[in-house]
Amino acid sequence: MAPSSPLEAVFEAPVFERRIASNGAAYHERGEGEPLVLIHGVGMRLEAWAPQIEALGATHRVIAVDMPGHGKSAPLPHGSDLPAFVGWLATFLDALSLDRVNVAGHSMGALVSGGAVATYPDRIRRVALLNGVFCREKPAKKAVLARAASILSEGIDIDGPVQRWFDDGDASRNARALTRAWLSAMDVKSYATAYGAFAGGDATYAYEWPKVKCPSLFLTGSGDPNSTPEMARQMAALTPGSVVRIIQGHRHMVNLTAPEAVNALMREWLATPEPAA
């Protein structure tokens, strides 16, 4: 049966060939030009960036990487915190001899991207946070920490994230199915490590944004209950030269459910001139 929509045509069964870097990270590379590194969220894999790999690979050297313990990447030690993931990204850039890159992260990948521009700003040309979190309020913080603490004993919750990340419409049906499959394939210990870093890392680099000078994009869905539009606006308000973009009618996985809008906004961000030295 042929796919019933352009979204399903892209996402019917995406599997990309991978190389393994010297630090154990698995990645897929497409295109030429300025490098753009894409980092997915907890429980996902580099195929979650399929629309962006296809579209942005026409103009950039797109490098989508599996986070530690995800896809084909080697894990970090159990209990590693957000700074350990940020350090892992630096070793990945070293392994590929990448001096300066554009970096875009989704969800946990957004936290890693924010940590990278805070920790080694000279290596980051531009930074984009898609559905990033910022200083959760106490009830949300308590809930996410409780979920993190339960993973090793109770396993990976699949229904909860899918219900939070998507609506029930037909337009997100295929992306929902893929998300379920990716979550189901995760190693529980690696998931617990990444989720723990995600749960505890929302404030780790939160107030470094005033120091960030490169073009910065903060993007989320209007209906995202956890990476909220207000969080995107708060980060943008702290960051010189930044823009905030809210995609109406979408939730957490906007790069899958609104790929054309996300691709257009990322092209705009990638075309933003870097500030003069």
C-alpha atoms as a PDB file:
ATOM      1  CA  MET A   1       0.000   0.000   0.000  1.00  0.00           C
ATOM      2  CA  ALA A   2       1.361   3.417  -0.935  1.00  0.00           C
ATOM      3  CA  PRO A   3       1.812   6.016   1.836  1.00  0.00           C
ATOM      4  CA  SER A   4      -1.287   8.198   2.202  1.00  0.00           C
ATOM      5  CA  SER A   5       0.509  11.495   2.859  1.00  0.00           C
ATOM      6  CA  PRO A   6       3.890  13.195   2.273  1.00  0.00           C
ATOM      7  CA  LEU A   7       4.679  12.723   5.968  1.00  0.00           C
ATOM      8  CA  GLU A   8       4.127   8.978   5.696  1.00  0.00           C
ATOM      9  CA  ALA A   9       6.154   8.887   2.493  1.00  0.00           C
ATOM     10  CA  VAL A  10       9.145  10.190   4.448  1.00  0.00           C
ATOM     11  CA  PHE A  11       8.519   8.135   7.570  1.00  0.00           C
ATOM     12  CA  GLU A  12       7.258   4.779   6.328  1.00  0.00           C
ATOM     13  CA  ALA A  13      10.341   2.934   7.601  1.00  0.00           C
ATOM     14  CA  PRO A  14      13.370   5.230   7.868  1.00  0.00           C
ATOM     15  CA  VAL A  15      16.655   3.447   8.499  1.00  0.00           C
ATOM     16  CA  PHE A  16      19.909   5.256   7.731  1.00  0.00           C
ATOM     17  CA  GLU A  17      23.327   3.738   7.309  1.00  0.00           C
ATOM     18  CA  ARG A  18      25.692   4.576  10.128  1.00  0.00           C
ATOM     19  CA  ARG A  19      29.371   5.048  10.714  1.00  0.00           C
ATOM     20  CA  ILE A  20      30.957   4.618  14.133  1.00  0.00           C
ATOM     21  CA  ALA A  21      33.212   7.414  15.396  1.00  0.00           C
ATOM     22  CA  SER A  22      36.267   6.734  17.519  1.00  0.00           C
ATOM     23  CA  ASN A  23      34.360   7.725  20.676  1.00  0.00           C
ATOM     24  CA  GLY A  24      31.747   5.025  19.974  1.00  0.00           C
ATOM     25  CA  ALA A  25      29.075   7.365  18.635  1.00  0.00           C
ATOM     26  CA  ALA A  26      27.032   6.169  15.663  1.00  0.00           C
ATOM     27  CA  TYR A  27      26.134   8.771  13.078  1.00  0.00           C
ATOM     28  CA  HIS A  28      24.745   9.305   9.593  1.00  0.00           C
ATOM     29  CA  GLU A  29      26.144  11.960   7.280  1.00  0.00           C
ATOM     30  CA  ARG A  30      24.472  13.612   4.305  1.00  0.00           C
ATOM     31  CA  GLY A  31      25.425  16.509   2.004  1.00  0.00           C
ATOM     32  CA  GLU A  32      28.180  19.099   1.859  1.00  0.00           C
ATOM     33  CA  GLY A  33      28.788  22.591   3.203  1.00  0.00           C
ATOM     34  CA  GLU A  34      28.755  23.992   6.722  1.00  0.00           C
ATOM     35  CA  PRO A  35      28.344  21.139   9.207  1.00  0.00           C
ATOM     36  CA  LEU A  36      25.029  20.820  11.032  1.00  0.00           C
ATOM     37  CA  VAL A  37      24.953  18.346  13.926  1.00  0.00           C
ATOM     38  CA  LEU A  38      21.517  17.013  14.936  1.00  0.00           C
ATOM     39  CA  ILE A  39      20.915  15.498  18.396  1.00  0.00           C
ATOM     40  CA  HIS A  40      17.639  13.714  19.161  1.00  0.00           C
ATOM     41  CA  GLY A  41      15.759  13.246  22.432  1.00  0.00           C
ATOM     42  CA  VAL A  42      15.534  10.505  25.046  1.00  0.00           C
ATOM     43  CA  GLY A  43      14.384   7.162  23.669  1.00  0.00           C
ATOM     44  CA  MET A  44      14.663   8.237  20.045  1.00  0.00           C
ATOM     45  CA  ARG A  45      17.370   7.652  17.436  1.00  0.00           C
ATOM     46  CA  LEU A  46      18.883   9.627  14.587  1.00  0.00           C
ATOM     47  CA  GLU A  47      16.050   8.584  12.245  1.00  0.00           C
ATOM     48  CA  ALA A  48      13.823  10.941  14.240  1.00  0.00           C
ATOM     49  CA  TRP A  49      15.504  13.698  12.198  1.00  0.00           C
ATOM     50  CA  ALA A  50      14.615  12.089   8.853  1.00  0.00           C
ATOM     51  CA  PRO A  51      12.761  15.121   7.389  1.00  0.00           C
ATOM     52  CA  GLN A  52      15.595  17.456   8.340  1.00  0.00           C
ATOM     53  CA  ILE A  53      18.299  15.098   7.056  1.00  0.00           C
ATOM     54  CA  GLU A  54      16.520  14.873   3.716  1.00  0.00           C
ATOM     55  CA  ALA A  55      15.805  18.598   3.380  1.00  0.00           C
ATOM     56  CA  LEU A  56      18.841  20.275   4.936  1.00  0.00           C
ATOM     57  CA  GLY A  57      21.292  17.808   3.448  1.00  0.00           C
ATOM     58  CA  ALA A  58      20.754  19.617   0.160  1.00  0.00           C
ATOM     59  CA  THR A  59      22.607  22.684   1.463  1.00  0.00           C
ATOM     60  CA  HIS A  60      24.639  21.541   4.474  1.00  0.00           C
ATOM     61  CA  ARG A  61      26.800  18.713   5.698  1.00  0.00           C
ATOM     62  CA  VAL A  62      24.203  17.194   7.998  1.00  0.00           C
ATOM     63  CA  ILE A  63      25.514  14.876  10.714  1.00  0.00           C
ATOM     64  CA  ALA A  64      22.780  13.170  12.730  1.00  0.00           C
ATOM     65  CA  VAL A  65      24.089  11.273  15.743  1.00  0.00           C
ATOM     66  CA  ASP A  66      22.622   8.611  18.018  1.00  0.00           C
ATOM     67  CA  MET A  67      22.837   9.747  21.634  1.00  0.00           C
ATOM     68  CA  PRO A  68      24.818   7.486  23.987  1.00  0.00           C
ATOM     69  CA  GLY A  69      23.070   4.153  24.482  1.00  0.00           C
ATOM     70  CA  HIS A  70      20.580   4.932  21.702  1.00  0.00           C
ATOM     71  CA  GLY A  71      20.507   3.443  18.216  1.00  0.00           C
ATOM     72  CA  LYS A  72      23.999   2.071  17.631  1.00  0.00           C
ATOM     73  CA  SER A  73      25.948   4.424  19.931  1.00  0.00           C
ATOM     74  CA  ALA A  74      27.940   3.098  22.873  1.00  0.00           C
ATOM     75  CA  PRO A  75      26.458   4.058  26.261  1.00  0.00           C
ATOM     76  CA  LEU A  76      27.863   6.385  28.870  1.00  0.00           C
ATOM     77  CA  PRO A  77      28.328   5.041  32.408  1.00  0.00           C
ATOM     78  CA  HIS A  78      25.055   4.544  34.247  1.00  0.00           C
ATOM     79  CA  GLY A  79      24.024   7.676  36.141  1.00  0.00           C
ATOM     80  CA  SER A  80      25.909  10.098  33.869  1.00  0.00           C
ATOM     81  CA  ASP A  81      24.595  13.640  34.221  1.00  0.00           C
ATOM     82  CA  LEU A  82      23.955  16.325  31.621  1.00  0.00           C
ATOM     83  CA  PRO A  83      27.550  17.683  31.662  1.00  0.00           C
ATOM     84  CA  ALA A  84      28.738  14.153  30.801  1.00  0.00           C
ATOM     85  CA  PHE A  85      26.511  14.188  27.706  1.00  0.00           C
ATOM     86  CA  VAL A  86      27.834  17.643  26.809  1.00  0.00           C
ATOM     87  CA  GLY A  87      31.388  16.319  27.150  1.00  0.00           C
ATOM     88  CA  TRP A  88      30.445  13.330  24.989  1.00  0.00           C
ATOM     89  CA  LEU A  89      29.389  15.715  22.217  1.00  0.00           C
ATOM     90  CA  ALA A  90      32.785  17.429  22.380  1.00  0.00           C
ATOM     91  CA  THR A  91      34.555  14.090  21.960  1.00  0.00           C
ATOM     92  CA  PHE A  92      32.308  13.328  18.996  1.00  0.00           C
ATOM     93  CA  LEU A  93      33.232  16.635  17.342  1.00  0.00           C
ATOM     94  CA  ASP A  94      36.897  15.835  17.997  1.00  0.00           C
ATOM     95  CA  ALA A  95      36.491  12.366  16.494  1.00  0.00           C
ATOM     96  CA  LEU A  96      35.166  13.882  13.262  1.00  0.00           C
ATOM     97  CA  SER A  97      37.746  16.739  13.313  1.00  0.00           C
ATOM     98  CA  LEU A  98      34.952  19.300  13.445  1.00  0.00           C
ATOM     99  CA  ASP A  99      36.250  22.619  14.729  1.00  0.00           C
ATOM    100  CA  ARG A 100      33.045  24.671  14.442  1.00  0.00           C
ATOM    101  CA  VAL A 101      29.516  23.463  13.777  1.00  0.00           C
ATOM    102  CA  ASN A 102      25.907  24.459  13.754  1.00  0.00           C
ATOM    103  CA  VAL A 103      24.082  22.344  16.325  1.00  0.00           C
ATOM    104  CA  ALA A 104      20.384  21.627  16.726  1.00  0.00           C
ATOM    105  CA  GLY A 105      18.918  19.495  19.464  1.00  0.00           C
ATOM    106  CA  HIS A 106      15.449  18.231  20.229  1.00  0.00           C
ATOM    107  CA  SER A 107      14.256  17.783  23.843  1.00  0.00           C
ATOM    108  CA  MET A 108      17.198  16.121  25.656  1.00  0.00           C
ATOM    109  CA  GLY A 109      19.258  16.979  22.577  1.00  0.00           C
ATOM    110  CA  ALA A 110      18.282  20.607  23.152  1.00  0.00           C
ATOM    111  CA  LEU A 111      19.722  20.447  26.676  1.00  0.00           C
ATOM    112  CA  VAL A 112      22.938  18.990  25.262  1.00  0.00           C
ATOM    113  CA  SER A 113      23.069  21.719  22.602  1.00  0.00           C
ATOM    114  CA  GLY A 114      22.537  24.436  25.200  1.00  0.00           C
ATOM    115  CA  GLY A 115      25.264  22.941  27.338  1.00  0.00           C
ATOM    116  CA  ALA A 116      27.611  22.833  24.359  1.00  0.00           C
ATOM    117  CA  VAL A 117      27.222  26.503  23.502  1.00  0.00           C
ATOM    118  CA  ALA A 118      27.701  27.366  27.183  1.00  0.00           C
ATOM    119  CA  THR A 119      30.763  25.146  27.635  1.00  0.00           C
ATOM    120  CA  TYR A 120      32.641  25.505  24.345  1.00  0.00           C
ATOM    121  CA  PRO A 121      31.083  28.497  22.553  1.00  0.00           C
ATOM    122  CA  ASP A 122      33.979  28.928  20.114  1.00  0.00           C
ATOM    123  CA  ARG A 123      33.002  25.626  18.487  1.00  0.00           C
ATOM    124  CA  ILE A 124      29.341  26.538  17.900  1.00  0.00           C
ATOM    125  CA  ARG A 125      28.393  28.687  14.905  1.00  0.00           C
ATOM    126  CA  ARG A 126      24.658  28.655  15.602  1.00  0.00           C
ATOM    127  CA  VAL A 127      22.458  26.818  18.088  1.00  0.00           C
ATOM    128  CA  ALA A 128      18.833  25.707  17.797  1.00  0.00           C
ATOM    129  CA  LEU A 129      16.738  24.263  20.606  1.00  0.00           C
ATOM    130  CA  LEU A 130      13.643  22.415  19.451  1.00  0.00           C
ATOM    131  CA  ASN A 131      11.175  21.677  22.250  1.00  0.00           C
ATOM    132  CA  GLY A 132      13.721  22.499  24.919  1.00  0.00           C
ATOM    133  CA  VAL A 133      12.985  22.669  28.640  1.00  0.00           C
ATOM    134  CA  PHE A 134      13.950  25.519  30.951  1.00  0.00           C
ATOM    135  CA  CYS A 135      13.739  25.593  34.749  1.00  0.00           C
ATOM    136  CA  ARG A 136      10.636  23.496  35.295  1.00  0.00           C
ATOM    137  CA  GLU A 137       8.174  24.625  37.932  1.00  0.00           C
ATOM    138  CA  LYS A 138       8.092  22.534  41.106  1.00  0.00           C
ATOM    139  CA  PRO A 139       5.145  20.218  40.219  1.00  0.00           C
ATOM    140  CA  ALA A 140       6.597  19.442  36.775  1.00  0.00           C
ATOM    141  CA  LYS A 141      10.070  18.932  38.252  1.00  0.00           C
ATOM    142  CA  LYS A 142       8.690  16.541  40.871  1.00  0.00           C
ATOM    143  CA  ALA A 143       6.811  14.556  38.217  1.00  0.00           C
ATOM    144  CA  VAL A 144       9.773  14.183  35.843  1.00  0.00           C
ATOM    145  CA  LEU A 145      12.136  13.190  38.654  1.00  0.00           C
ATOM    146  CA  ALA A 146       9.617  10.575  39.809  1.00  0.00           C
ATOM    147  CA  ARG A 147       9.424   9.161  36.290  1.00  0.00           C
ATOM    148  CA  ALA A 148      13.207   9.010  36.126  1.00  0.00           C
ATOM    149  CA  ALA A 149      13.425   7.198  39.465  1.00  0.00           C
ATOM    150  CA  SER A 150      10.911   4.534  38.404  1.00  0.00           C
ATOM    151  CA  ILE A 151      12.515   3.415  35.133  1.00  0.00           C
ATOM    152  CA  LEU A 152      14.859   0.706  36.369  1.00  0.00           C
ATOM    153  CA  SER A 153      12.179  -0.928  38.524  1.00  0.00           C
ATOM    154  CA  GLU A 154       9.133  -0.391  36.309  1.00  0.00           C
ATOM    155  CA  GLY A 155      10.603  -0.282  32.814  1.00  0.00           C
ATOM    156  CA  ILE A 156      10.124   2.245  30.032  1.00  0.00           C
ATOM    157  CA  ASP A 157       6.750   3.967  29.937  1.00  0.00           C
ATOM    158  CA  ILE A 158       5.712   4.113  26.297  1.00  0.00           C
ATOM    159  CA  ASP A 159       2.085   5.215  26.510  1.00  0.00           C
ATOM    160  CA  GLY A 160       2.819   8.265  28.671  1.00  0.00           C
ATOM    161  CA  PRO A 161       5.281   9.956  26.317  1.00  0.00           C
ATOM    162  CA  VAL A 162       3.187   9.166  23.227  1.00  0.00           C
ATOM    163  CA  GLN A 163       0.113  10.697  24.861  1.00  0.00           C
ATOM    164  CA  ARG A 164       2.046  13.807  25.866  1.00  0.00           C
ATOM    165  CA  TRP A 165       3.954  14.196  22.606  1.00  0.00           C
ATOM    166  CA  PHE A 166       1.138  13.727  20.069  1.00  0.00           C
ATOM    167  CA  ASP A 167      -2.522  14.398  19.533  1.00  0.00           C
ATOM    168  CA  ASP A 168      -4.776  11.610  18.258  1.00  0.00           C
ATOM    169  CA  GLY A 169      -5.193  12.949  14.713  1.00  0.00           C
ATOM    170  CA  ASP A 170      -4.497  11.013  11.548  1.00  0.00           C
ATOM    171  CA  ALA A 171      -1.684  13.403  10.583  1.00  0.00           C
ATOM    172  CA  SER A 172       0.516  12.123  13.422  1.00  0.00           C
ATOM    173  CA  ARG A 173      -0.430   8.434  13.131  1.00  0.00           C
ATOM    174  CA  ASN A 174       2.747   7.237  11.427  1.00  0.00           C
ATOM    175  CA  ALA A 175       5.021   9.347  13.627  1.00  0.00           C
ATOM    176  CA  ARG A 176       3.274   7.951  16.710  1.00  0.00           C
ATOM    177  CA  ALA A 177       3.868   4.410  15.497  1.00  0.00           C
ATOM    178  CA  LEU A 178       7.548   5.070  14.849  1.00  0.00           C
ATOM    179  CA  THR A 179       7.979   6.722  18.228  1.00  0.00           C
ATOM    180  CA  ARG A 180       6.474   3.679  19.922  1.00  0.00           C
ATOM    181  CA  ALA A 181       8.828   1.405  18.003  1.00  0.00           C
ATOM    182  CA  TRP A 182      11.892   3.459  18.923  1.00  0.00           C
ATOM    183  CA  LEU A 183      10.937   3.580  22.609  1.00  0.00           C
ATOM    184  CA  SER A 184      10.261  -0.163  22.600  1.00  0.00           C
ATOM    185  CA  ALA A 185      13.730  -0.868  21.204  1.00  0.00           C
ATOM    186  CA  MET A 186      15.568   1.063  23.934  1.00  0.00           C
ATOM    187  CA  ASP A 187      17.894  -0.539  26.444  1.00  0.00           C
ATOM    188  CA  VAL A 188      16.333   0.183  29.839  1.00  0.00           C
ATOM    189  CA  LYS A 189      19.587   1.090  31.590  1.00  0.00           C
ATOM    190  CA  SER A 190      20.644   3.511  28.848  1.00  0.00           C
ATOM    191  CA  TYR A 191      17.172   5.039  28.814  1.00  0.00           C
ATOM    192  CA  ALA A 192      17.288   5.498  32.589  1.00  0.00           C
ATOM    193  CA  THR A 193      20.664   7.241  32.346  1.00  0.00           C
ATOM    194  CA  ALA A 194      19.547   9.630  29.613  1.00  0.00           C
ATOM    195  CA  TYR A 195      16.202  10.320  31.247  1.00  0.00           C
ATOM    196  CA  GLY A 196      17.879  10.975  34.580  1.00  0.00           C
ATOM    197  CA  ALA A 197      20.184  13.526  32.953  1.00  0.00           C
ATOM    198  CA  PHE A 198      17.178  15.073  31.217  1.00  0.00           C
ATOM    199  CA  ALA A 199      15.122  15.218  34.412  1.00  0.00           C
ATOM    200  CA  GLY A 200      17.888  16.763  36.474  1.00  0.00           C
ATOM    201  CA  GLY A 201      19.432  19.024  33.835  1.00  0.00           C
ATOM    202  CA  ASP A 202      16.790  21.648  33.089  1.00  0.00           C
ATOM    203  CA  ALA A 203      18.572  24.332  35.144  1.00  0.00           C
ATOM    204  CA  THR A 204      22.199  23.212  34.725  1.00  0.00           C
ATOM    205  CA  TYR A 205      23.012  25.702  31.949  1.00  0.00           C
ATOM    206  CA  ALA A 206      19.831  27.767  32.153  1.00  0.00           C
ATOM    207  CA  TYR A 207      21.407  31.067  33.052  1.00  0.00           C
ATOM    208  CA  GLU A 208      24.329  30.875  30.642  1.00  0.00           C
ATOM    209  CA  TRP A 209      22.167  32.196  27.794  1.00  0.00           C
ATOM    210  CA  PRO A 210      23.087  35.907  28.272  1.00  0.00           C
ATOM    211  CA  LYS A 211      26.674  34.959  27.346  1.00  0.00           C
ATOM    212  CA  VAL A 212      25.665  33.295  24.063  1.00  0.00           C
ATOM    213  CA  LYS A 213      26.472  35.474  21.055  1.00  0.00           C
ATOM    214  CA  CYS A 214      25.760  33.161  18.143  1.00  0.00           C
ATOM    215  CA  PRO A 215      22.420  33.075  16.264  1.00  0.00           C
ATOM    216  CA  SER A 216      20.033  31.112  18.470  1.00  0.00           C
ATOM    217  CA  LEU A 217      16.641  29.611  17.648  1.00  0.00           C
ATOM    218  CA  PHE A 218      14.115  28.511  20.274  1.00  0.00           C
ATOM    219  CA  LEU A 219      11.284  26.554  18.693  1.00  0.00           C
ATOM    220  CA  THR A 220       8.425  24.530  20.138  1.00  0.00           C
ATOM    221  CA  GLY A 221       4.819  23.518  19.548  1.00  0.00           C
ATOM    222  CA  SER A 222       1.933  25.567  20.881  1.00  0.00           C
ATOM    223  CA  GLY A 223       0.477  22.467  22.554  1.00  0.00           C
ATOM    224  CA  ASP A 224       3.655  21.032  24.074  1.00  0.00           C
ATOM    225  CA  PRO A 225       2.776  20.548  27.763  1.00  0.00           C
ATOM    226  CA  ASN A 226       6.356  20.051  28.958  1.00  0.00           C
ATOM    227  CA  SER A 227       8.634  22.054  26.629  1.00  0.00           C
ATOM    228  CA  THR A 228       6.229  24.943  26.667  1.00  0.00           C
ATOM    229  CA  PRO A 229       6.067  28.092  24.555  1.00  0.00           C
ATOM    230  CA  GLU A 230       6.702  30.087  27.728  1.00  0.00           C
ATOM    231  CA  MET A 231       9.974  28.205  28.289  1.00  0.00           C
ATOM    232  CA  ALA A 232      11.075  29.038  24.739  1.00  0.00           C
ATOM    233  CA  ARG A 233      10.219  32.693  25.311  1.00  0.00           C
ATOM    234  CA  GLN A 234      12.102  32.771  28.613  1.00  0.00           C
ATOM    235  CA  MET A 235      15.260  31.404  27.015  1.00  0.00           C
ATOM    236  CA  ALA A 236      14.981  33.774  24.070  1.00  0.00           C
ATOM    237  CA  ALA A 237      14.507  36.740  26.404  1.00  0.00           C
ATOM    238  CA  LEU A 238      17.861  35.925  28.008  1.00  0.00           C
ATOM    239  CA  THR A 239      19.761  35.407  24.754  1.00  0.00           C
ATOM    240  CA  PRO A 240      21.099  38.246  22.602  1.00  0.00           C
ATOM    241  CA  GLY A 241      20.279  37.917  18.910  1.00  0.00           C
ATOM    242  CA  SER A 242      17.847  35.053  19.390  1.00  0.00           C
ATOM    243  CA  VAL A 243      14.455  34.295  17.870  1.00  0.00           C
ATOM    244  CA  VAL A 244      11.551  32.297  19.240  1.00  0.00           C
ATOM    245  CA  ARG A 245       9.159  30.429  16.969  1.00  0.00           C
ATOM    246  CA  ILE A 246       5.976  28.647  18.064  1.00  0.00           C
ATOM    247  CA  ILE A 247       4.358  26.184  15.673  1.00  0.00           C
ATOM    248  CA  GLN A 248       0.625  26.338  16.181  1.00  0.00           C
ATOM    249  CA  GLY A 249      -1.398  23.147  16.599  1.00  0.00           C
ATOM    250  CA  HIS A 250       1.547  20.851  17.323  1.00  0.00           C
ATOM    251  CA  ARG A 251       3.078  19.275  20.400  1.00  0.00           C
ATOM    252  CA  HIS A 252       6.462  17.843  21.312  1.00  0.00           C
ATOM    253  CA  MET A 253       7.574  16.079  18.136  1.00  0.00           C
ATOM    254  CA  VAL A 254       7.197  19.068  15.823  1.00  0.00           C
ATOM    255  CA  ASN A 255      10.077  18.043  13.580  1.00  0.00           C
ATOM    256  CA  LEU A 256       8.058  14.924  12.695  1.00  0.00           C
ATOM    257  CA  THR A 257       4.535  16.310  12.703  1.00  0.00           C
ATOM    258  CA  ALA A 258       5.272  19.707  11.103  1.00  0.00           C
ATOM    259  CA  PRO A 259       8.401  18.960   9.034  1.00  0.00           C
ATOM    260  CA  GLU A 260       7.879  21.593   6.342  1.00  0.00           C
ATOM    261  CA  ALA A 261       7.422  24.384   8.904  1.00  0.00           C
ATOM    262  CA  VAL A 262      10.393  23.207  10.959  1.00  0.00           C
ATOM    263  CA  ASN A 263      12.616  22.868   7.908  1.00  0.00           C
ATOM    264  CA  ALA A 264      11.728  26.398   6.762  1.00  0.00           C
ATOM    265  CA  LEU A 265      12.529  27.850  10.189  1.00  0.00           C
ATOM    266  CA  MET A 266      15.795  25.938  10.382  1.00  0.00           C
ATOM    267  CA  ARG A 267      16.806  27.183   6.927  1.00  0.00           C
ATOM    268  CA  GLU A 268      16.097  30.732   8.119  1.00  0.00           C
ATOM    269  CA  TRP A 269      18.212  30.137  11.231  1.00  0.00           C
ATOM    270  CA  LEU A 270      21.077  28.616   9.222  1.00  0.00           C
ATOM    271  CA  ALA A 271      21.063  31.648   6.922  1.00  0.00           C
ATOM    272  CA  THR A 272      21.437  34.100   9.828  1.00  0.00           C
ATOM    273  CA  PRO A 273      24.859  35.754   9.628  1.00  0.00           C
ATOM    274  CA  GLU A 274      27.234  35.080  12.462  1.00  0.00           C
ATOM    275  CA  PRO A 275      28.181  38.182  14.480  1.00  0.00           C
ATOM    276  CA  ALA A 276      31.411  39.884  13.537  1.00  0.00           C
ATOM    277  CA  ALA A 277      34.399  38.774  15.592  1.00  0.00           C
END
